[in-house]
Full PDB file with SEQRES, HELIX, SHEET, SSBOND, CRYST1, ORIGX, SCALE, CONECT and MASTER records, all heavy atoms in Angstrom:
SEQRES   1 A   41  PHE THR PHE TYR ASP GLY THR SER ARG ASN TYR PHE ALA          
SEQRES   2 A   41  ARG LEU ASN SER ASP GLY SER LEU ASP SER THR CYS VAL          
SEQRES   3 A   41  SER CYS SER GLY ALA ASN GLU VAL VAL ARG SER THR ASN          
SEQRES   4 A   41  ILE GLN                                                      
SHEET    1 AA1 2 PHE A   3  TYR A   4  0                                        
SHEET    2 AA1 2 THR A   7  SER A   8 -1                                        
SSBOND   1 CYS A   25    CYS A   28                          1555   1555  1.85  
CRYST1    1.000    1.000    1.000  90.00  90.00  90.00 P 1           1          
ORIGX1      1.000000  0.000000  0.000000        0.00000                         
ORIGX2      0.000000  1.000000  0.000000        0.00000                         
ORIGX3      0.000000  0.000000  1.000000        0.00000                         
SCALE1      1.000000  0.000000  0.000000        0.00000                         
SCALE2      0.000000  1.000000  0.000000        0.00000                         
SCALE3      0.000000  0.000000  1.000000        0.00000                         
ATOM      1  N   PHE A   1       0.868  -1.222   0.050  1.00  0.00           N  
ATOM      2  CA  PHE A   1       0.092  -0.029  -0.012  1.00  0.00           C  
ATOM      3  C   PHE A   1       0.771   1.247  -0.053  1.00  0.00           C  
ATOM      4  O   PHE A   1       2.066   1.244   0.509  1.00  0.00           O  
ATOM      5  CB  PHE A   1      -1.011  -0.057   1.170  1.00  0.00           C  
ATOM      6  CG  PHE A   1      -0.282  -0.118   2.434  1.00  0.00           C  
ATOM      7  CD1 PHE A   1       0.158   1.091   3.202  1.00  0.00           C  
ATOM      8  CD2 PHE A   1      -0.112  -1.304   3.049  1.00  0.00           C  
ATOM      9  CE1 PHE A   1       0.811   0.892   4.426  1.00  0.00           C  
ATOM     10  CE2 PHE A   1       0.589  -1.468   4.397  1.00  0.00           C  
ATOM     11  CZ  PHE A   1       0.977  -0.323   5.001  1.00  0.00           C  
ATOM     12  N   THR A   2       0.304   2.413  -0.440  1.00  0.00           N  
ATOM     13  CA  THR A   2       0.928   3.686  -0.490  1.00  0.00           C  
ATOM     14  C   THR A   2      -0.083   4.676   0.259  1.00  0.00           C  
ATOM     15  O   THR A   2       0.374   5.814   0.481  1.00  0.00           O  
ATOM     16  CB  THR A   2       1.285   4.199  -1.752  1.00  0.00           C  
ATOM     17  OG1 THR A   2       0.131   4.151  -2.637  1.00  0.00           O  
ATOM     18  CG2 THR A   2       2.338   3.354  -2.443  1.00  0.00           C  
ATOM     19  N   PHE A   3      -1.227   4.247   0.638  1.00  0.00           N  
ATOM     20  CA  PHE A   3      -2.197   5.192   1.472  1.00  0.00           C  
ATOM     21  C   PHE A   3      -2.961   4.321   2.355  1.00  0.00           C  
ATOM     22  O   PHE A   3      -3.196   3.116   2.240  1.00  0.00           O  
ATOM     23  CB  PHE A   3      -3.137   5.834   0.466  1.00  0.00           C  
ATOM     24  CG  PHE A   3      -2.711   6.980  -0.227  1.00  0.00           C  
ATOM     25  CD1 PHE A   3      -2.022   6.848  -1.524  1.00  0.00           C  
ATOM     26  CD2 PHE A   3      -2.752   8.333   0.309  1.00  0.00           C  
ATOM     27  CE1 PHE A   3      -1.502   7.995  -2.165  1.00  0.00           C  
ATOM     28  CE2 PHE A   3      -2.313   9.413  -0.438  1.00  0.00           C  
ATOM     29  CZ  PHE A   3      -1.652   9.305  -1.542  1.00  0.00           C  
ATOM     30  N   TYR A   4      -3.165   4.905   3.592  1.00  0.00           N  
ATOM     31  CA  TYR A   4      -4.055   4.221   4.564  1.00  0.00           C  
ATOM     32  C   TYR A   4      -5.121   5.326   4.964  1.00  0.00           C  
ATOM     33  O   TYR A   4      -4.787   6.283   5.449  1.00  0.00           O  
ATOM     34  CB  TYR A   4      -3.276   3.754   5.728  1.00  0.00           C  
ATOM     35  CG  TYR A   4      -4.177   2.976   6.751  1.00  0.00           C  
ATOM     36  CD1 TYR A   4      -4.426   1.505   6.568  1.00  0.00           C  
ATOM     37  CD2 TYR A   4      -4.894   3.552   7.779  1.00  0.00           C  
ATOM     38  CE1 TYR A   4      -5.153   0.895   7.340  1.00  0.00           C  
ATOM     39  CE2 TYR A   4      -5.690   2.839   8.520  1.00  0.00           C  
ATOM     40  CZ  TYR A   4      -5.880   1.630   8.433  1.00  0.00           C  
ATOM     41  OH  TYR A   4      -6.746   0.858   9.305  1.00  0.00           O  
ATOM     42  N   ASP A   5      -6.433   4.937   4.714  1.00  0.00           N  
ATOM     43  CA  ASP A   5      -7.507   5.816   5.124  1.00  0.00           C  
ATOM     44  C   ASP A   5      -7.270   7.251   4.425  1.00  0.00           C  
ATOM     45  O   ASP A   5      -7.512   8.138   5.098  1.00  0.00           O  
ATOM     46  CB  ASP A   5      -7.855   5.938   6.512  1.00  0.00           C  
ATOM     47  CG  ASP A   5      -9.153   6.489   6.863  1.00  0.00           C  
ATOM     48  OD1 ASP A   5      -9.941   6.474   6.002  1.00  0.00           O  
ATOM     49  OD2 ASP A   5      -9.298   6.965   8.078  1.00  0.00           O  
ATOM     50  N   GLY A   6      -6.759   7.262   3.235  1.00  0.00           N  
ATOM     51  CA  GLY A   6      -6.571   8.470   2.497  1.00  0.00           C  
ATOM     52  C   GLY A   6      -5.370   9.275   2.844  1.00  0.00           C  
ATOM     53  O   GLY A   6      -5.216  10.333   2.230  1.00  0.00           O  
ATOM     54  N   THR A   7      -4.497   8.677   3.727  1.00  0.00           N  
ATOM     55  CA  THR A   7      -3.316   9.436   4.147  1.00  0.00           C  
ATOM     56  C   THR A   7      -2.090   8.654   3.538  1.00  0.00           C  
ATOM     57  O   THR A   7      -1.986   7.456   3.634  1.00  0.00           O  
ATOM     58  CB  THR A   7      -3.188   9.621   5.686  1.00  0.00           C  
ATOM     59  OG1 THR A   7      -4.356  10.265   6.160  1.00  0.00           O  
ATOM     60  CG2 THR A   7      -1.862  10.171   6.098  1.00  0.00           C  
ATOM     61  N   SER A   8      -1.139   9.466   3.043  1.00  0.00           N  
ATOM     62  CA  SER A   8       0.080   8.832   2.429  1.00  0.00           C  
ATOM     63  C   SER A   8       0.843   7.992   3.417  1.00  0.00           C  
ATOM     64  O   SER A   8       1.338   8.590   4.464  1.00  0.00           O  
ATOM     65  CB  SER A   8       1.028   9.898   1.897  1.00  0.00           C  
ATOM     66  OG  SER A   8       2.109   9.300   1.309  1.00  0.00           O  
ATOM     67  N   ARG A   9       1.144   6.696   3.196  1.00  0.00           N  
ATOM     68  CA  ARG A   9       2.017   5.825   4.055  1.00  0.00           C  
ATOM     69  C   ARG A   9       2.633   4.785   2.990  1.00  0.00           C  
ATOM     70  O   ARG A   9       1.932   3.971   2.489  1.00  0.00           O  
ATOM     71  CB  ARG A   9       1.188   5.129   5.096  1.00  0.00           C  
ATOM     72  CG  ARG A   9       0.754   6.016   6.229  1.00  0.00           C  
ATOM     73  CD  ARG A   9       1.981   6.495   7.078  1.00  0.00           C  
ATOM     74  NE  ARG A   9       1.448   7.240   8.184  1.00  0.00           N  
ATOM     75  CZ  ARG A   9       1.309   8.583   8.171  1.00  0.00           C  
ATOM     76  NH1 ARG A   9       1.387   9.330   7.162  1.00  0.00           N  
ATOM     77  NH2 ARG A   9       1.028   9.114   9.284  1.00  0.00           N  
ATOM     78  N   ASN A  10       3.792   4.915   2.792  1.00  0.00           N  
ATOM     79  CA  ASN A  10       4.440   4.144   1.899  1.00  0.00           C  
ATOM     80  C   ASN A  10       4.977   2.800   2.406  1.00  0.00           C  
ATOM     81  O   ASN A  10       5.936   2.650   3.048  1.00  0.00           O  
ATOM     82  CB  ASN A  10       5.601   4.869   1.143  1.00  0.00           C  
ATOM     83  CG  ASN A  10       5.218   5.796   0.165  1.00  0.00           C  
ATOM     84  OD1 ASN A  10       4.382   5.673  -0.705  1.00  0.00           O  
ATOM     85  ND2 ASN A  10       5.808   7.071   0.419  1.00  0.00           N  
ATOM     86  N   TYR A  11       4.008   1.711   2.236  1.00  0.00           N  
ATOM     87  CA  TYR A  11       4.306   0.309   2.617  1.00  0.00           C  
ATOM     88  C   TYR A  11       4.345   0.043   4.068  1.00  0.00           C  
ATOM     89  O   TYR A  11       4.464  -1.149   4.479  1.00  0.00           O  
ATOM     90  CB  TYR A  11       5.633  -0.088   1.935  1.00  0.00           C  
ATOM     91  CG  TYR A  11       5.811   0.421   0.419  1.00  0.00           C  
ATOM     92  CD1 TYR A  11       6.937   1.286   0.048  1.00  0.00           C  
ATOM     93  CD2 TYR A  11       4.997   0.004  -0.409  1.00  0.00           C  
ATOM     94  CE1 TYR A  11       6.881   1.782  -1.184  1.00  0.00           C  
ATOM     95  CE2 TYR A  11       5.019   0.449  -1.806  1.00  0.00           C  
ATOM     96  CZ  TYR A  11       5.926   1.382  -2.173  1.00  0.00           C  
ATOM     97  OH  TYR A  11       6.137   1.816  -3.546  1.00  0.00           O  
ATOM     98  N   PHE A  12       4.279   0.881   4.951  1.00  0.00           N  
ATOM     99  CA  PHE A  12       4.469   0.700   6.312  1.00  0.00           C  
ATOM    100  C   PHE A  12       3.740   1.744   7.123  1.00  0.00           C  
ATOM    101  O   PHE A  12       3.671   2.863   6.789  1.00  0.00           O  
ATOM    102  CB  PHE A  12       6.066   0.863   6.702  1.00  0.00           C  
ATOM    103  CG  PHE A  12       6.348   0.519   8.053  1.00  0.00           C  
ATOM    104  CD1 PHE A  12       6.486  -0.718   8.475  1.00  0.00           C  
ATOM    105  CD2 PHE A  12       6.530   1.571   9.011  1.00  0.00           C  
ATOM    106  CE1 PHE A  12       6.868  -0.994   9.859  1.00  0.00           C  
ATOM    107  CE2 PHE A  12       6.870   1.301  10.334  1.00  0.00           C  
ATOM    108  CZ  PHE A  12       7.011  -0.041  10.742  1.00  0.00           C  
ATOM    109  N   ALA A  13       3.042   1.269   8.093  1.00  0.00           N  
ATOM    110  CA  ALA A  13       2.138   2.264   8.908  1.00  0.00           C  
ATOM    111  C   ALA A  13       1.885   1.741  10.360  1.00  0.00           C  
ATOM    112  O   ALA A  13       2.043   0.465  10.489  1.00  0.00           O  
ATOM    113  CB  ALA A  13       0.794   2.454   8.301  1.00  0.00           C  
ATOM    114  N   ARG A  14       1.505   2.584  11.288  1.00  0.00           N  
ATOM    115  CA  ARG A  14       1.101   2.292  12.557  1.00  0.00           C  
ATOM    116  C   ARG A  14      -0.291   2.682  12.887  1.00  0.00           C  
ATOM    117  O   ARG A  14      -0.650   3.696  12.421  1.00  0.00           O  
ATOM    118  CB  ARG A  14       2.046   2.814  13.705  1.00  0.00           C  
ATOM    119  CG  ARG A  14       1.796   2.353  15.072  1.00  0.00           C  
ATOM    120  CD  ARG A  14       2.797   2.689  15.937  1.00  0.00           C  
ATOM    121  NE  ARG A  14       2.885   4.173  16.183  1.00  0.00           N  
ATOM    122  CZ  ARG A  14       3.884   4.847  16.735  1.00  0.00           C  
ATOM    123  NH1 ARG A  14       4.987   4.211  17.224  1.00  0.00           N  
ATOM    124  NH2 ARG A  14       3.684   6.113  16.904  1.00  0.00           N  
ATOM    125  N   LEU A  15      -1.194   1.688  13.328  1.00  0.00           N  
ATOM    126  CA  LEU A  15      -2.427   2.045  13.541  1.00  0.00           C  
ATOM    127  C   LEU A  15      -2.867   1.990  15.157  1.00  0.00           C  
ATOM    128  O   LEU A  15      -2.151   1.304  15.998  1.00  0.00           O  
ATOM    129  CB  LEU A  15      -3.410   0.823  12.926  1.00  0.00           C  
ATOM    130  CG  LEU A  15      -3.162   0.526  11.565  1.00  0.00           C  
ATOM    131  CD1 LEU A  15      -4.123  -0.650  11.144  1.00  0.00           C  
ATOM    132  CD2 LEU A  15      -3.253   1.656  10.613  1.00  0.00           C  
ATOM    133  N   ASN A  16      -3.753   2.785  15.478  1.00  0.00           N  
ATOM    134  CA  ASN A  16      -4.375   2.825  16.812  1.00  0.00           C  
ATOM    135  C   ASN A  16      -5.148   1.441  16.968  1.00  0.00           C  
ATOM    136  O   ASN A  16      -5.485   0.880  16.038  1.00  0.00           O  
ATOM    137  CB  ASN A  16      -5.161   4.023  17.167  1.00  0.00           C  
ATOM    138  CG  ASN A  16      -4.372   5.329  17.028  1.00  0.00           C  
ATOM    139  OD1 ASN A  16      -3.359   5.317  17.693  1.00  0.00           O  
ATOM    140  ND2 ASN A  16      -4.976   6.190  16.193  1.00  0.00           N  
ATOM    141  N   SER A  17      -5.461   1.183  18.230  1.00  0.00           N  
ATOM    142  CA  SER A  17      -6.133  -0.121  18.499  1.00  0.00           C  
ATOM    143  C   SER A  17      -7.582  -0.188  17.879  1.00  0.00           C  
ATOM    144  O   SER A  17      -8.143  -1.265  17.756  1.00  0.00           O  
ATOM    145  CB  SER A  17      -6.218  -0.362  19.990  1.00  0.00           C  
ATOM    146  OG  SER A  17      -6.939   0.644  20.706  1.00  0.00           O  
ATOM    147  N   ASP A  18      -8.093   1.034  17.605  1.00  0.00           N  
ATOM    148  CA  ASP A  18      -9.477   1.066  17.016  1.00  0.00           C  
ATOM    149  C   ASP A  18      -9.375   1.014  15.404  1.00  0.00           C  
ATOM    150  O   ASP A  18     -10.441   1.073  14.788  1.00  0.00           O  
ATOM    151  CB  ASP A  18     -10.256   2.370  17.384  1.00  0.00           C  
ATOM    152  CG  ASP A  18      -9.559   3.605  16.980  1.00  0.00           C  
ATOM    153  OD1 ASP A  18      -8.474   3.602  16.350  1.00  0.00           O  
ATOM    154  OD2 ASP A  18     -10.101   4.595  17.391  1.00  0.00           O  
ATOM    155  N   GLY A  19      -8.154   0.800  14.849  1.00  0.00           N  
ATOM    156  CA  GLY A  19      -8.110   0.735  13.367  1.00  0.00           C  
ATOM    157  C   GLY A  19      -7.713   2.015  12.729  1.00  0.00           C  
ATOM    158  O   GLY A  19      -7.391   1.964  11.579  1.00  0.00           O  
ATOM    159  N   SER A  20      -7.839   3.081  13.452  1.00  0.00           N  
ATOM    160  CA  SER A  20      -7.509   4.448  12.807  1.00  0.00           C  
ATOM    161  C   SER A  20      -6.011   4.648  12.725  1.00  0.00           C  
ATOM    162  O   SER A  20      -5.188   3.983  13.392  1.00  0.00           O  
ATOM    163  CB  SER A  20      -7.955   5.529  13.652  1.00  0.00           C  
ATOM    164  OG  SER A  20      -7.456   5.531  14.995  1.00  0.00           O  
ATOM    165  N   LEU A  21      -5.485   5.494  11.797  1.00  0.00           N  
ATOM    166  CA  LEU A  21      -4.048   5.757  11.572  1.00  0.00           C  
ATOM    167  C   LEU A  21      -3.477   6.381  12.686  1.00  0.00           C  
ATOM    168  O   LEU A  21      -4.061   7.448  13.124  1.00  0.00           O  
ATOM    169  CB  LEU A  21      -3.914   6.431  10.223  1.00  0.00           C  
ATOM    170  CG  LEU A  21      -2.441   6.733   9.865  1.00  0.00           C  
ATOM    171  CD1 LEU A  21      -1.769   5.372   9.442  1.00  0.00           C  
ATOM    172  CD2 LEU A  21      -2.401   7.613   8.576  1.00  0.00           C  
ATOM    173  N   ASP A  22      -2.335   5.914  13.216  1.00  0.00           N  
ATOM    174  CA  ASP A  22      -1.635   6.640  14.328  1.00  0.00           C  
ATOM    175  C   ASP A  22      -0.697   7.701  13.540  1.00  0.00           C  
ATOM    176  O   ASP A  22       0.261   7.234  12.877  1.00  0.00           O  
ATOM    177  CB  ASP A  22      -0.750   5.737  15.113  1.00  0.00           C  
ATOM    178  CG  ASP A  22      -0.063   6.415  16.107  1.00  0.00           C  
ATOM    179  OD1 ASP A  22      -0.122   7.658  16.352  1.00  0.00           O  
ATOM    180  OD2 ASP A  22       0.817   5.753  16.838  1.00  0.00           O  
ATOM    181  N   SER A  23      -1.069   8.893  13.615  1.00  0.00           N  
ATOM    182  CA  SER A  23      -0.251   9.985  12.841  1.00  0.00           C  
ATOM    183  C   SER A  23       0.757  10.694  13.748  1.00  0.00           C  
ATOM    184  O   SER A  23       1.258  11.672  13.387  1.00  0.00           O  
ATOM    185  CB  SER A  23      -1.230  10.901  12.217  1.00  0.00           C  
ATOM    186  OG  SER A  23      -1.941  11.569  13.118  1.00  0.00           O  
ATOM    187  N   THR A  24       0.910  10.258  15.024  1.00  0.00           N  
ATOM    188  CA  THR A  24       1.688  10.992  15.946  1.00  0.00           C  
ATOM    189  C   THR A  24       3.205  10.920  15.609  1.00  0.00           C  
ATOM    190  O   THR A  24       4.038  11.714  16.050  1.00  0.00           O  
ATOM    191  CB  THR A  24       1.540  10.501  17.384  1.00  0.00           C  
ATOM    192  OG1 THR A  24       1.806   8.996  17.344  1.00  0.00           O  
ATOM    193  CG2 THR A  24       0.117  10.797  17.856  1.00  0.00           C  
ATOM    194  N   CYS A  25       3.668   9.862  14.834  1.00  0.00           N  
ATOM    195  CA  CYS A  25       5.037   9.867  14.515  1.00  0.00           C  
ATOM    196  C   CYS A  25       5.233   8.999  13.258  1.00  0.00           C  
ATOM    197  O   CYS A  25       4.828   7.800  13.222  1.00  0.00           O  
ATOM    198  CB  CYS A  25       5.802   9.182  15.662  1.00  0.00           C  
ATOM    199  SG  CYS A  25       7.571   9.026  15.432  1.00  0.00           S  
ATOM    200  N   VAL A  26       5.841   9.559  12.383  1.00  0.00           N  
ATOM    201  CA  VAL A  26       6.208   8.790  11.030  1.00  0.00           C  
ATOM    202  C   VAL A  26       7.795   8.871  10.952  1.00  0.00           C  
ATOM    203  O   VAL A  26       8.317   9.806  10.591  1.00  0.00           O  
ATOM    204  CB  VAL A  26       5.534   9.590   9.773  1.00  0.00           C  
ATOM    205  CG1 VAL A  26       5.933   8.699   8.578  1.00  0.00           C  
ATOM    206  CG2 VAL A  26       4.155   9.520   9.879  1.00  0.00           C  
ATOM    207  N   SER A  27       8.339   7.971  11.689  1.00  0.00           N  
ATOM    208  CA  SER A  27       9.783   7.895  11.789  1.00  0.00           C  
ATOM    209  C   SER A  27      10.254   9.079  12.631  1.00  0.00           C  
ATOM    210  O   SER A  27      11.522   9.276  12.765  1.00  0.00           O  
ATOM    211  CB  SER A  27      10.544   7.832  10.443  1.00  0.00           C  
ATOM    212  OG  SER A  27      11.843   7.500  10.693  1.00  0.00           O  
ATOM    213  N   CYS A  28       9.333   9.891  13.152  1.00  0.00           N  
ATOM    214  CA  CYS A  28       9.646  11.134  13.837  1.00  0.00           C  
ATOM    215  C   CYS A  28      10.810  11.894  13.163  1.00  0.00           C  
ATOM    216  O   CYS A  28      11.614  12.460  13.781  1.00  0.00           O  
ATOM    217  CB  CYS A  28      10.219  10.713  15.275  1.00  0.00           C  
ATOM    218  SG  CYS A  28       8.751  10.150  16.310  1.00  0.00           S  
ATOM    219  N   SER A  29      10.535  12.021  11.849  1.00  0.00           N  
ATOM    220  CA  SER A  29      11.531  12.626  10.965  1.00  0.00           C  
ATOM    221  C   SER A  29      10.823  13.367   9.895  1.00  0.00           C  
ATOM    222  O   SER A  29       9.886  12.888   9.269  1.00  0.00           O  
ATOM    223  CB  SER A  29      12.604  11.693  10.398  1.00  0.00           C  
ATOM    224  OG  SER A  29      13.504  12.435   9.540  1.00  0.00           O  
ATOM    225  N   GLY A  30      11.119  14.776   9.645  1.00  0.00           N  
ATOM    226  CA  GLY A  30      10.511  15.462   8.554  1.00  0.00           C  
ATOM    227  C   GLY A  30       9.075  15.650   8.796  1.00  0.00           C  
ATOM    228  O   GLY A  30       8.566  15.636   9.928  1.00  0.00           O  
ATOM    229  N   ALA A  31       8.265  15.930   7.741  1.00  0.00           N  
ATOM    230  CA  ALA A  31       6.860  16.067   7.842  1.00  0.00           C  
ATOM    231  C   ALA A  31       6.154  14.755   7.736  1.00  0.00           C  
ATOM    232  O   ALA A  31       6.561  13.960   7.050  1.00  0.00           O  
ATOM    233  CB  ALA A  31       6.428  17.052   6.673  1.00  0.00           C  
ATOM    234  N   ASN A  32       4.986  14.726   8.471  1.00  0.00           N  
ATOM    235  CA  ASN A  32       4.186  13.495   8.477  1.00  0.00           C  
ATOM    236  C   ASN A  32       3.262  13.442   7.346  1.00  0.00           C  
ATOM    237  O   ASN A  32       2.536  12.481   7.226  1.00  0.00           O  
ATOM    238  CB  ASN A  32       3.573  13.244   9.826  1.00  0.00           C  
ATOM    239  CG  ASN A  32       2.336  14.182  10.109  1.00  0.00           C  
ATOM    240  OD1 ASN A  32       2.405  15.269   9.673  1.00  0.00           O  
ATOM    241  ND2 ASN A  32       1.269  13.712  10.716  1.00  0.00           N  
ATOM    242  N   GLU A  33       3.078  14.420   6.646  1.00  0.00           N  
ATOM    243  CA  GLU A  33       2.224  14.599   5.480  1.00  0.00           C  
ATOM    244  C   GLU A  33       2.788  15.488   4.373  1.00  0.00           C  
ATOM    245  O   GLU A  33       3.714  16.049   4.586  1.00  0.00           O  
ATOM    246  CB  GLU A  33       0.731  14.842   5.917  1.00  0.00           C  
ATOM    247  CG  GLU A  33      -0.285  13.796   5.863  1.00  0.00           C  
ATOM    248  CD  GLU A  33      -0.395  13.098   4.433  1.00  0.00           C  
ATOM    249  OE1 GLU A  33      -0.026  13.803   3.576  1.00  0.00           O  
ATOM    250  OE2 GLU A  33      -0.864  11.936   4.455  1.00  0.00           O  
ATOM    251  N   VAL A  34       2.008  15.637   3.297  1.00  0.00           N  
ATOM    252  CA  VAL A  34       2.587  16.276   2.100  1.00  0.00           C  
ATOM    253  C   VAL A  34       2.961  17.766   2.475  1.00  0.00           C  
ATOM    254  O   VAL A  34       2.293  18.430   3.131  1.00  0.00           O  
ATOM    255  CB  VAL A  34       1.507  16.122   1.018  1.00  0.00           C  
ATOM    256  CG1 VAL A  34       1.894  17.157  -0.079  1.00  0.00           C  
ATOM    257  CG2 VAL A  34       1.361  14.764   0.541  1.00  0.00           C  
ATOM    258  N   VAL A  35       4.154  18.156   1.858  1.00  0.00           N  
ATOM    259  CA  VAL A  35       4.540  19.531   1.847  1.00  0.00           C  
ATOM    260  C   VAL A  35       4.084  20.106   0.396  1.00  0.00           C  
ATOM    261  O   VAL A  35       4.641  19.452  -0.651  1.00  0.00           O  
ATOM    262  CB  VAL A  35       6.098  19.614   2.032  1.00  0.00           C  
ATOM    263  CG1 VAL A  35       6.465  21.198   1.819  1.00  0.00           C  
ATOM    264  CG2 VAL A  35       6.309  19.286   3.488  1.00  0.00           C  
ATOM    265  N   ARG A  36       3.414  21.136   0.424  1.00  0.00           N  
ATOM    266  CA  ARG A  36       2.801  21.691  -1.006  1.00  0.00           C  
ATOM    267  C   ARG A  36       3.522  23.015  -1.383  1.00  0.00           C  
ATOM    268  O   ARG A  36       3.484  23.302  -2.603  1.00  0.00           O  
ATOM    269  CB  ARG A  36       1.328  21.842  -0.911  1.00  0.00           C  
ATOM    270  CG  ARG A  36       0.437  20.694  -0.962  1.00  0.00           C  
ATOM    271  CD  ARG A  36       0.614  19.883  -2.256  1.00  0.00           C  
ATOM    272  NE  ARG A  36       0.412  20.654  -3.471  1.00  0.00           N  
ATOM    273  CZ  ARG A  36      -0.825  20.825  -4.054  1.00  0.00           C  
ATOM    274  NH1 ARG A  36      -1.835  20.012  -3.580  1.00  0.00           N  
ATOM    275  NH2 ARG A  36      -1.029  21.466  -5.186  1.00  0.00           N  
ATOM    276  N   SER A  37       4.076  23.696  -0.471  1.00  0.00           N  
ATOM    277  CA  SER A  37       4.657  24.998  -0.790  1.00  0.00           C  
ATOM    278  C   SER A  37       5.966  25.232   0.020  1.00  0.00           C  
ATOM    279  O   SER A  37       6.000  24.963   1.246  1.00  0.00           O  
ATOM    280  CB  SER A  37       3.558  26.001  -0.580  1.00  0.00           C  
ATOM    281  OG  SER A  37       4.014  27.278  -0.832  1.00  0.00           O  
ATOM    282  N   THR A  38       6.898  25.832  -0.591  1.00  0.00           N  
ATOM    283  CA  THR A  38       8.188  26.271   0.161  1.00  0.00           C  
ATOM    284  C   THR A  38       8.627  27.664  -0.239  1.00  0.00           C  
ATOM    285  O   THR A  38       8.418  28.084  -1.388  1.00  0.00           O  
ATOM    286  CB  THR A  38       9.313  25.254  -0.254  1.00  0.00           C  
ATOM    287  OG1 THR A  38       9.408  25.221  -1.599  1.00  0.00           O  
ATOM    288  CG2 THR A  38       9.108  23.869   0.288  1.00  0.00           C  
ATOM    289  N   ASN A  39       9.059  28.443   0.811  1.00  0.00           N  
ATOM    290  CA  ASN A  39       9.529  29.757   0.582  1.00  0.00           C  
ATOM    291  C   ASN A  39      10.944  29.893   1.287  1.00  0.00           C  
ATOM    292  O   ASN A  39      10.906  29.429   2.457  1.00  0.00           O  
ATOM    293  CB  ASN A  39       8.667  30.901   0.870  1.00  0.00           C  
ATOM    294  CG  ASN A  39       7.335  30.880   0.030  1.00  0.00           C  
ATOM    295  OD1 ASN A  39       7.504  31.527  -1.007  1.00  0.00           O  
ATOM    296  ND2 ASN A  39       6.300  30.169   0.515  1.00  0.00           N  
ATOM    297  N   ILE A  40      11.783  30.723   0.766  1.00  0.00           N  
ATOM    298  CA  ILE A  40      13.076  30.956   1.530  1.00  0.00           C  
ATOM    299  C   ILE A  40      13.216  32.342   1.843  1.00  0.00           C  
ATOM    300  O   ILE A  40      13.165  33.248   1.102  1.00  0.00           O  
ATOM    301  CB  ILE A  40      14.297  30.427   0.609  1.00  0.00           C  
ATOM    302  CG1 ILE A  40      14.087  28.931   0.327  1.00  0.00           C  
ATOM    303  CG2 ILE A  40      15.547  30.653   1.383  1.00  0.00           C  
ATOM    304  CD1 ILE A  40      15.087  28.398  -0.626  1.00  0.00           C  
ATOM    305  N   GLN A  41      13.541  32.542   3.139  1.00  0.00           N  
ATOM    306  CA  GLN A  41      13.620  33.891   3.719  1.00  0.00           C  
ATOM    307  C   GLN A  41      15.048  34.510   3.485  1.00  0.00           C  
ATOM    308  O   GLN A  41      15.989  33.702   3.124  1.00  0.00           O  
ATOM    309  CB  GLN A  41      13.511  33.900   5.218  1.00  0.00           C  
ATOM    310  CG  GLN A  41      12.040  33.495   5.720  1.00  0.00           C  
ATOM    311  CD  GLN A  41      11.905  33.710   7.103  1.00  0.00           C  
ATOM    312  OE1 GLN A  41      10.721  33.572   7.597  1.00  0.00           O  
ATOM    313  NE2 GLN A  41      12.860  33.689   7.949  1.00  0.00           N  
TER     314      GLN A  41                                                      
CONECT  199  218                                                                
CONECT  218  199                                                                
MASTER        0    0    0    0    2    0    0    6  313    1    2    4          
END                                                                             
């Protein structure tokens, strides 16, 4: 899989005990979901 319940997860995910996606930590690195825009100060 590359998505779980509509959220990007490439081949690996952690779920809460009720079946919902656990979004509290995705390798605890970088952004846990899509980055759409960047600007440099």
